[in-house]
C-alpha atoms as a PDB file:
ATOM      1  CA  UNK A   1       7.386  73.900   4.423  1.00  0.00           C
ATOM      2  CA  UNK A   2       7.063  74.141   7.991  1.00  0.00           C
ATOM      3  CA  UNK A   3      10.332  75.538  10.206  1.00  0.00           C
ATOM      4  CA  UNK A   4      12.294  72.696  11.982  1.00  0.00           C
ATOM      5  CA  UNK A   5      12.857  72.662  15.804  1.00  0.00           C
ATOM      6  CA  UNK A   6      15.537  72.257  17.690  1.00  0.00           C
ATOM      7  CA  UNK A   7      16.109  69.766  20.289  1.00  0.00           C
ATOM      8  CA  UNK A   8      15.375  72.078  22.722  1.00  0.00           C
ATOM      9  CA  UNK A   9      12.081  73.162  20.796  1.00  0.00           C
ATOM     10  CA  UNK A  10      11.302  69.916  20.904  1.00  0.00           C
ATOM     11  CA  UNK A  11      11.959  68.967  24.326  1.00  0.00           C
ATOM     12  CA  UNK A  12      10.008  72.301  25.897  1.00  0.00           C
ATOM     13  CA  UNK A  13       6.807  71.169  23.299  1.00  0.00           C
ATOM     14  CA  UNK A  14       6.832  67.905  24.625  1.00  0.00           C
ATOM     15  CA  UNK A  15       6.360  68.918  28.002  1.00  0.00           C
ATOM     16  CA  UNK A  16       3.435  71.371  27.339  1.00  0.00           C
ATOM     17  CA  UNK A  17       1.764  68.503  25.707  1.00  0.00           C
ATOM     18  CA  UNK A  18       2.307  66.714  28.794  1.00  0.00           C
ATOM     19  CA  UNK A  19       0.966  69.041  31.298  1.00  0.00           C
ATOM     20  CA  UNK A  20      -1.889  69.502  28.912  1.00  0.00           C
ATOM     21  CA  UNK A  21      -2.878  66.111  28.806  1.00  0.00           C
ATOM     22  CA  UNK A  22      -2.031  65.355  32.316  1.00  0.00           C
ATOM     23  CA  UNK A  23      -4.602  68.569  33.470  1.00  0.00           C
ATOM     24  CA  UNK A  24      -7.319  67.746  30.094  1.00  0.00           C
ATOM     25  CA  UNK A  25      -6.771  63.652  30.438  1.00  0.00           C
ATOM     26  CA  UNK A  26     -10.657  62.570  30.717  1.00  0.00           C
ATOM     27  CA  UNK A  27     -11.635  65.371  27.644  1.00  0.00           C
ATOM     28  CA  UNK A  28      -8.747  63.865  25.502  1.00  0.00           C
ATOM     29  CA  UNK A  29      -9.771  60.555  25.990  1.00  0.00           C
ATOM     30  CA  UNK A  30     -13.400  61.301  25.628  1.00  0.00           C
ATOM     31  CA  UNK A  31     -13.063  63.212  22.433  1.00  0.00           C
ATOM     32  CA  UNK A  32     -10.540  60.242  21.442  1.00  0.00           C
ATOM     33  CA  UNK A  33     -13.339  57.686  21.840  1.00  0.00           C
ATOM     34  CA  UNK A  34     -15.549  59.113  20.090  1.00  0.00           C
ATOM     35  CA  UNK A  35     -13.618  59.545  17.018  1.00  0.00           C
ATOM     36  CA  UNK A  36     -13.003  56.105  17.275  1.00  0.00           C
ATOM     37  CA  UNK A  37     -16.810  54.853  17.266  1.00  0.00           C
ATOM     38  CA  UNK A  38     -17.460  57.371  14.521  1.00  0.00           C
ATOM     39  CA  UNK A  39     -14.517  56.801  12.012  1.00  0.00           C
ATOM     40  CA  UNK A  40     -14.422  52.476  13.347  1.00  0.00           C
ATOM     41  CA  UNK A  41     -14.502  51.242   9.706  1.00  0.00           C
ATOM     42  CA  UNK A  42     -12.134  53.643   7.746  1.00  0.00           C
ATOM     43  CA  UNK A  43      -9.763  53.245  11.033  1.00  0.00           C
ATOM     44  CA  UNK A  44     -10.372  49.110  10.562  1.00  0.00           C
ATOM     45  CA  UNK A  45      -9.770  49.431   6.897  1.00  0.00           C
ATOM     46  CA  UNK A  46      -6.875  51.288   7.344  1.00  0.00           C
ATOM     47  CA  UNK A  47      -5.017  49.404  10.087  1.00  0.00           C
ATOM     48  CA  UNK A  48      -6.019  46.274   7.407  1.00  0.00           C
ATOM     49  CA  UNK A  49      -4.659  47.577   4.883  1.00  0.00           C
ATOM     50  CA  UNK A  50      -1.592  48.541   7.156  1.00  0.00           C
ATOM     51  CA  UNK A  51      -0.978  44.813   8.199  1.00  0.00           C
ATOM     52  CA  UNK A  52      -1.621  43.591   4.801  1.00  0.00           C
ATOM     53  CA  UNK A  53       0.937  45.637   3.514  1.00  0.00           C
ATOM     54  CA  UNK A  54       3.595  45.246   6.191  1.00  0.00           C
ATOM     55  CA  UNK A  55       2.325  41.266   6.846  1.00  0.00           C
ATOM     56  CA  UNK A  56       5.998  39.893   7.092  1.00  0.00           C
ATOM     57  CA  UNK A  57       7.507  43.102   8.469  1.00  0.00           C
ATOM     58  CA  UNK A  58       5.201  42.571  11.639  1.00  0.00           C
ATOM     59  CA  UNK A  59       5.376  38.873  11.822  1.00  0.00           C
ATOM     60  CA  UNK A  60       9.175  39.218  12.172  1.00  0.00           C
ATOM     61  CA  UNK A  61       8.732  41.741  14.830  1.00  0.00           C
ATOM     62  CA  UNK A  62       6.619  39.816  16.705  1.00  0.00           C
ATOM     63  CA  UNK A  63       8.672  36.779  16.612  1.00  0.00           C
ATOM     64  CA  UNK A  64      12.103  38.367  17.182  1.00  0.00           C
ATOM     65  CA  UNK A  65      10.281  40.028  20.365  1.00  0.00           C
ATOM     66  CA  UNK A  66       8.689  36.900  21.668  1.00  0.00           C
ATOM     67  CA  UNK A  67      12.660  35.116  21.064  1.00  0.00           C
ATOM     68  CA  UNK A  68      13.852  37.898  22.779  1.00  0.00           C
ATOM     69  CA  UNK A  69      11.563  38.014  26.144  1.00  0.00           C
ATOM     70  CA  UNK A  70      10.491  34.363  25.716  1.00  0.00           C
ATOM     71  CA  UNK A  71      10.039  34.121  29.334  1.00  0.00           C
ATOM     72  CA  UNK A  72       8.487  36.845  29.971  1.00  0.00           C
ATOM     73  CA  UNK A  73       5.914  36.527  27.497  1.00  0.00           C
ATOM     74  CA  UNK A  74       5.461  33.366  29.041  1.00  0.00           C
ATOM     75  CA  UNK A  75       4.548  34.473  32.366  1.00  0.00           C
ATOM     76  CA  UNK A  76       3.014  37.363  31.459  1.00  0.00           C
ATOM     77  CA  UNK A  77       0.477  35.354  29.830  1.00  0.00           C
ATOM     78  CA  UNK A  78      -0.035  32.693  32.970  1.00  0.00           C
ATOM     79  CA  UNK A  79      -0.522  35.259  35.394  1.00  0.00           C
ATOM     80  CA  UNK A  80      -2.971  36.861  33.031  1.00  0.00           C
ATOM     81  CA  UNK A  81      -4.878  33.463  32.844  1.00  0.00           C
ATOM     82  CA  UNK A  82      -4.402  32.760  36.575  1.00  0.00           C
ATOM     83  CA  UNK A  83      -6.116  36.929  37.049  1.00  0.00           C
ATOM     84  CA  UNK A  84      -8.232  36.502  34.987  1.00  0.00           C
ATOM     85  CA  UNK A  85      -9.457  32.410  35.107  1.00  0.00           C
ATOM     86  CA  UNK A  86     -12.921  33.228  36.766  1.00  0.00           C
ATOM     87  CA  UNK A  87     -13.737  35.503  33.539  1.00  0.00           C
ATOM     88  CA  UNK A  88     -12.392  33.295  30.635  1.00  0.00           C
ATOM     89  CA  UNK A  89     -14.656  30.096  32.132  1.00  0.00           C
ATOM     90  CA  UNK A  90     -18.078  32.749  32.812  1.00  0.00           C
ATOM     91  CA  UNK A  91     -16.993  33.100  29.150  1.00  0.00           C
ATOM     92  CA  UNK A  92     -16.332  30.062  27.403  1.00  0.00           C
ATOM     93  CA  UNK A  93     -19.654  29.168  29.275  1.00  0.00           C
ATOM     94  CA  UNK A  94     -21.999  32.177  27.912  1.00  0.00           C
ATOM     95  CA  UNK A  95     -20.273  31.192  24.299  1.00  0.00           C
ATOM     96  CA  UNK A  96     -21.508  27.520  24.789  1.00  0.00           C
ATOM     97  CA  UNK A  97     -24.852  28.403  26.382  1.00  0.00           C
ATOM     98  CA  UNK A  98     -24.951  31.076  23.228  1.00  0.00           C
ATOM     99  CA  UNK A  99     -23.885  28.341  20.440  1.00  0.00           C
ATOM    100  CA  UNK A 100     -24.756  25.043  22.284  1.00  0.00           C
ATOM    101  CA  UNK A 101     -26.503  23.730  18.885  1.00  0.00           C
ATOM    102  CA  UNK A 102     -23.832  24.858  16.956  1.00  0.00           C
ATOM    103  CA  UNK A 103     -21.191  23.085  18.447  1.00  0.00           C
ATOM    104  CA  UNK A 104     -23.167  19.921  19.181  1.00  0.00           C
ATOM    105  CA  UNK A 105     -23.568  19.799  15.200  1.00  0.00           C
ATOM    106  CA  UNK A 106     -19.326  20.398  14.866  1.00  0.00           C
ATOM    107  CA  UNK A 107     -18.890  18.045  17.227  1.00  0.00           C
ATOM    108  CA  UNK A 108     -21.083  15.304  15.993  1.00  0.00           C
ATOM    109  CA  UNK A 109     -20.109  15.956  12.569  1.00  0.00           C
ATOM    110  CA  UNK A 110     -16.494  15.664  14.088  1.00  0.00           C
ATOM    111  CA  UNK A 111     -17.121  11.964  15.785  1.00  0.00           C
ATOM    112  CA  UNK A 112     -19.020  11.246  12.532  1.00  0.00           C
ATOM    113  CA  UNK A 113     -15.808  11.857  10.406  1.00  0.00           C
ATOM    114  CA  UNK A 114     -13.535  10.151  12.909  1.00  0.00           C
ATOM    115  CA  UNK A 115     -15.308   7.026  13.069  1.00  0.00           C
ATOM    116  CA  UNK A 116     -15.872   6.473   9.257  1.00  0.00           C
ATOM    117  CA  UNK A 117     -12.008   7.275   8.874  1.00  0.00           C
ATOM    118  CA  UNK A 118     -11.588   4.733  11.252  1.00  0.00           C
ATOM    119  CA  UNK A 119     -13.805   2.255   9.267  1.00  0.00           C
ATOM    120  CA  UNK A 120     -12.278   3.051   6.592  1.00  0.00           C
ATOM    121  CA  UNK A 121      -8.562   2.411   7.886  1.00  0.00           C
ATOM    122  CA  UNK A 122     -10.218  -0.729   9.802  1.00  0.00           C
ATOM    123  CA  UNK A 123     -11.508  -2.446   6.435  1.00  0.00           C
ATOM    124  CA  UNK A 124      -8.191  -1.771   4.679  1.00  0.00           C
ATOM    125  CA  UNK A 125      -6.052  -3.469   7.705  1.00  0.00           C
ATOM    126  CA  UNK A 126      -8.581  -6.250   7.574  1.00  0.00           C
ATOM    127  CA  UNK A 127      -8.024  -7.177   4.079  1.00  0.00           C
ATOM    128  CA  UNK A 128      -4.282  -6.596   4.104  1.00  0.00           C
ATOM    129  CA  UNK A 129      -4.443  -8.776   7.238  1.00  0.00           C
ATOM    130  CA  UNK A 130      -6.339 -11.540   5.349  1.00  0.00           C
ATOM    131  CA  UNK A 131      -4.489 -11.320   1.703  1.00  0.00           C
ATOM    132  CA  UNK A 132      -0.975 -11.500   3.363  1.00  0.00           C
ATOM    133  CA  UNK A 133      -2.102 -14.711   5.701  1.00  0.00           C
ATOM    134  CA  UNK A 134      -3.905 -16.519   2.911  1.00  0.00           C
ATOM    135  CA  UNK A 135      -1.367 -15.899   0.543  1.00  0.00           C
ATOM    136  CA  UNK A 136       1.186 -17.201   2.959  1.00  0.00           C
ATOM    137  CA  UNK A 137      -0.674 -20.645   3.253  1.00  0.00           C
ATOM    138  CA  UNK A 138      -0.574 -20.788  -0.129  1.00  0.00           C
ATOM    139  CA  UNK A 139       3.101 -20.230  -0.597  1.00  0.00           C
ATOM    140  CA  UNK A 140       4.009 -22.433   2.426  1.00  0.00           C
ATOM    141  CA  UNK A 141       2.312 -24.882   0.527  1.00  0.00           C
ATOM    142  CA  UNK A 142       3.605 -24.706  -3.089  1.00  0.00           C
ATOM    143  CA  UNK A 143       7.247 -24.434  -1.321  1.00  0.00           C
ATOM    144  CA  UNK A 144       7.563 -21.020  -2.365  1.00  0.00           C
ATOM    145  CA  UNK A 145       9.912 -18.059  -1.436  1.00  0.00           C
ATOM    146  CA  UNK A 146       8.597 -16.146   1.383  1.00  0.00           C
ATOM    147  CA  UNK A 147      10.225 -12.996   2.078  1.00  0.00           C
ATOM    148  CA  UNK A 148      10.396 -11.965   5.888  1.00  0.00           C
ATOM    149  CA  UNK A 149       9.420  -8.241   5.345  1.00  0.00           C
ATOM    150  CA  UNK A 150       6.608  -9.220   3.667  1.00  0.00           C
ATOM    151  CA  UNK A 151       3.303  -8.075   6.242  1.00  0.00           C
ATOM    152  CA  UNK A 152      -0.109  -6.943   6.138  1.00  0.00           C
ATOM    153  CA  UNK A 153       1.774  -3.640   6.202  1.00  0.00           C
ATOM    154  CA  UNK A 154       2.827  -4.637   2.555  1.00  0.00           C
ATOM    155  CA  UNK A 155      -0.355  -5.415   1.398  1.00  0.00           C
ATOM    156  CA  UNK A 156      -1.904  -2.255   2.811  1.00  0.00           C
ATOM    157  CA  UNK A 157       0.557  -0.210   1.066  1.00  0.00           C
ATOM    158  CA  UNK A 158       0.320  -1.774  -1.951  1.00  0.00           C
ATOM    159  CA  UNK A 159      -3.664  -0.839  -1.982  1.00  0.00           C
ATOM    160  CA  UNK A 160      -3.543   2.676  -0.127  1.00  0.00           C
ATOM    161  CA  UNK A 161      -5.357   4.999  -2.035  1.00  0.00           C
ATOM    162  CA  UNK A 162      -7.067   2.642  -4.219  1.00  0.00           C
ATOM    163  CA  UNK A 163      -4.885   2.549  -6.996  1.00  0.00           C
ATOM    164  CA  UNK A 164      -5.660   1.418 -10.525  1.00  0.00           C
ATOM    165  CA  UNK A 165      -4.728  -1.733 -12.298  1.00  0.00           C
ATOM    166  CA  UNK A 166      -1.418  -1.923 -13.042  1.00  0.00           C
ATOM    167  CA  UNK A 167      -2.553  -4.207 -16.058  1.00  0.00           C
ATOM    168  CA  UNK A 168      -5.768  -1.789 -17.527  1.00  0.00           C
ATOM    169  CA  UNK A 169      -6.966   1.787 -16.271  1.00  0.00           C
ATOM    170  CA  UNK A 170      -9.924  -0.020 -13.841  1.00  0.00           C
ATOM    171  CA  UNK A 171      -9.996   0.043 -10.199  1.00  0.00           C
ATOM    172  CA  UNK A 172      -7.686  -2.534  -8.385  1.00  0.00           C
ATOM    173  CA  UNK A 173      -9.374  -4.911  -6.287  1.00  0.00           C
ATOM    174  CA  UNK A 174      -6.570  -7.523  -5.800  1.00  0.00           C
ATOM    175  CA  UNK A 175      -2.991  -8.113  -5.511  1.00  0.00           C
ATOM    176  CA  UNK A 176      -1.573  -9.697  -7.851  1.00  0.00           C
ATOM    177  CA  UNK A 177       1.874 -11.955  -8.185  1.00  0.00           C
ATOM    178  CA  UNK A 178       3.569 -11.032 -11.277  1.00  0.00           C
ATOM    179  CA  UNK A 179       5.379 -14.427 -11.278  1.00  0.00           C
ATOM    180  CA  UNK A 180       2.286 -16.509 -10.685  1.00  0.00           C
ATOM    181  CA  UNK A 181       2.389 -18.791  -7.194  1.00  0.00           C
ATOM    182  CA  UNK A 182       1.166 -22.019  -9.591  1.00  0.00           C
ATOM    183  CA  UNK A 183       4.931 -21.517 -11.249  1.00  0.00           C
ATOM    184  CA  UNK A 184       6.624 -20.935  -7.519  1.00  0.00           C
ATOM    185  CA  UNK A 185       6.328 -17.182  -7.459  1.00  0.00           C
ATOM    186  CA  UNK A 186       7.876 -16.219  -4.698  1.00  0.00           C
ATOM    187  CA  UNK A 187       5.933 -13.910  -1.623  1.00  0.00           C
ATOM    188  CA  UNK A 188       7.615 -10.789  -2.003  1.00  0.00           C
ATOM    189  CA  UNK A 189       7.422  -7.101  -2.823  1.00  0.00           C
ATOM    190  CA  UNK A 190       8.973  -6.934  -5.715  1.00  0.00           C
ATOM    191  CA  UNK A 191       6.411  -9.658  -7.096  1.00  0.00           C
ATOM    192  CA  UNK A 192       3.215  -7.993  -6.084  1.00  0.00           C
ATOM    193  CA  UNK A 193       1.213  -5.373  -8.005  1.00  0.00           C
ATOM    194  CA  UNK A 194      -2.301  -4.214  -7.840  1.00  0.00           C
ATOM    195  CA  UNK A 195      -4.810  -5.703 -10.189  1.00  0.00           C
ATOM    196  CA  UNK A 196      -8.459  -5.645 -10.790  1.00  0.00           C
ATOM    197  CA  UNK A 197     -10.084  -8.870 -10.642  1.00  0.00           C
ATOM    198  CA  UNK A 198     -10.663  -8.945 -14.560  1.00  0.00           C
ATOM    199  CA  UNK A 199      -6.808  -9.191 -14.867  1.00  0.00           C
ATOM    200  CA  UNK A 200      -6.320 -11.210 -11.718  1.00  0.00           C
ATOM    201  CA  UNK A 201      -7.901 -14.289 -12.643  1.00  0.00           C
ATOM    202  CA  UNK A 202      -7.421 -13.688 -16.549  1.00  0.00           C
ATOM    203  CA  UNK A 203      -3.982 -14.091 -15.707  1.00  0.00           C
ATOM    204  CA  UNK A 204      -4.325 -16.945 -13.440  1.00  0.00           C
ATOM    205  CA  UNK A 205      -1.009 -19.033 -13.544  1.00  0.00           C
ATOM    206  CA  UNK A 206       0.318 -17.450 -16.648  1.00  0.00           C
ATOM    207  CA  UNK A 207       4.004 -15.394 -17.048  1.00  0.00           C
ATOM    208  CA  UNK A 208       4.025 -12.291 -18.729  1.00  0.00           C
ATOM    209  CA  UNK A 209       4.758 -13.834 -21.644  1.00  0.00           C
ATOM    210  CA  UNK A 210       1.988 -16.017 -21.855  1.00  0.00           C
ATOM    211  CA  UNK A 211      -0.486 -13.469 -21.640  1.00  0.00           C
ATOM    212  CA  UNK A 212      -2.538 -10.927 -23.728  1.00  0.00           C
ATOM    213  CA  UNK A 213       0.485  -8.922 -24.914  1.00  0.00           C
ATOM    214  CA  UNK A 214      -1.685  -5.724 -24.718  1.00  0.00           C
ATOM    215  CA  UNK A 215      -2.089  -6.028 -20.654  1.00  0.00           C
ATOM    216  CA  UNK A 216       1.800  -6.773 -20.529  1.00  0.00           C
ATOM    217  CA  UNK A 217       2.488  -3.581 -22.200  1.00  0.00           C
ATOM    218  CA  UNK A 218       0.185  -1.709 -20.308  1.00  0.00           C
ATOM    219  CA  UNK A 219       1.825  -3.037 -17.078  1.00  0.00           C
ATOM    220  CA  UNK A 220       5.039  -2.371 -18.146  1.00  0.00           C
ATOM    221  CA  UNK A 221       4.279   0.899 -19.134  1.00  0.00           C
ATOM    222  CA  UNK A 222       2.823   1.435 -15.461  1.00  0.00           C
ATOM    223  CA  UNK A 223       5.001  -0.457 -13.380  1.00  0.00           C
ATOM    224  CA  UNK A 224       8.343  -1.151 -12.905  1.00  0.00           C
ATOM    225  CA  UNK A 225       8.485  -4.175 -11.223  1.00  0.00           C
ATOM    226  CA  UNK A 226       6.445  -5.501 -14.240  1.00  0.00           C
ATOM    227  CA  UNK A 227       8.639  -3.937 -16.983  1.00  0.00           C
ATOM    228  CA  UNK A 228      11.530  -5.193 -14.603  1.00  0.00           C
ATOM    229  CA  UNK A 229      10.530  -9.045 -14.852  1.00  0.00           C
ATOM    230  CA  UNK A 230       9.225  -8.678 -18.547  1.00  0.00           C
ATOM    231  CA  UNK A 231      13.058  -7.885 -19.537  1.00  0.00           C
ATOM    232  CA  UNK A 232      14.186 -10.886 -17.465  1.00  0.00           C
ATOM    233  CA  UNK A 233      11.436 -13.440 -19.086  1.00  0.00           C
ATOM    234  CA  UNK A 234      12.215 -11.938 -22.765  1.00  0.00           C
ATOM    235  CA  UNK A 235      16.427 -11.882 -21.903  1.00  0.00           C
ATOM    236  CA  UNK A 236      15.850 -15.652 -20.929  1.00  0.00           C
ATOM    237  CA  UNK A 237      14.391 -16.328 -24.353  1.00  0.00           C
END
């Protein structure tokens, strides 16, 4: 074990090292740079290992420093950007020129994705708007109750995410009125469920207790709305 230095000895050694560094600064920098170049991979691995082992600590330290020096950090960053604006523009331009085809492909894919997403959302809105207005006209003709909060958004929400049919595992393509329109069923959220074309056309104007019992049981097991209406009908009998 090495001999422990007194504070005075430590101070003298630090002063001596400083004098040596000032006298041999260029030499020290050259040797340091040469060592780093010769051991680049090893040093990078050590730094990565340290960062991985102390990630939370380093993140907390950076965050604490930023919070304590927010104005200073913001001013420093702005000053650097202003002082190196031309350099940054040149670097951006050089990168763009070197990766023009790649950037164009990325932007094209991004625009295509946005376009497809917008078309899909527009189709959902269009279908919901059509369902809402068709059913509202039917409800008005039959004198059914119409809830003021039932809108195209209500139909879009019911059909969001390509739901399965309430009465069977098939994909839903329609919105069914649990209590049928022809029996003065209401145009309310509680009376609307997603359904496939087969179930919607097969149920038609039937009450739940008048329809195929297997599909009704499936619907009651998968939809609180159907379960509530079925319980009401059974209690009424």
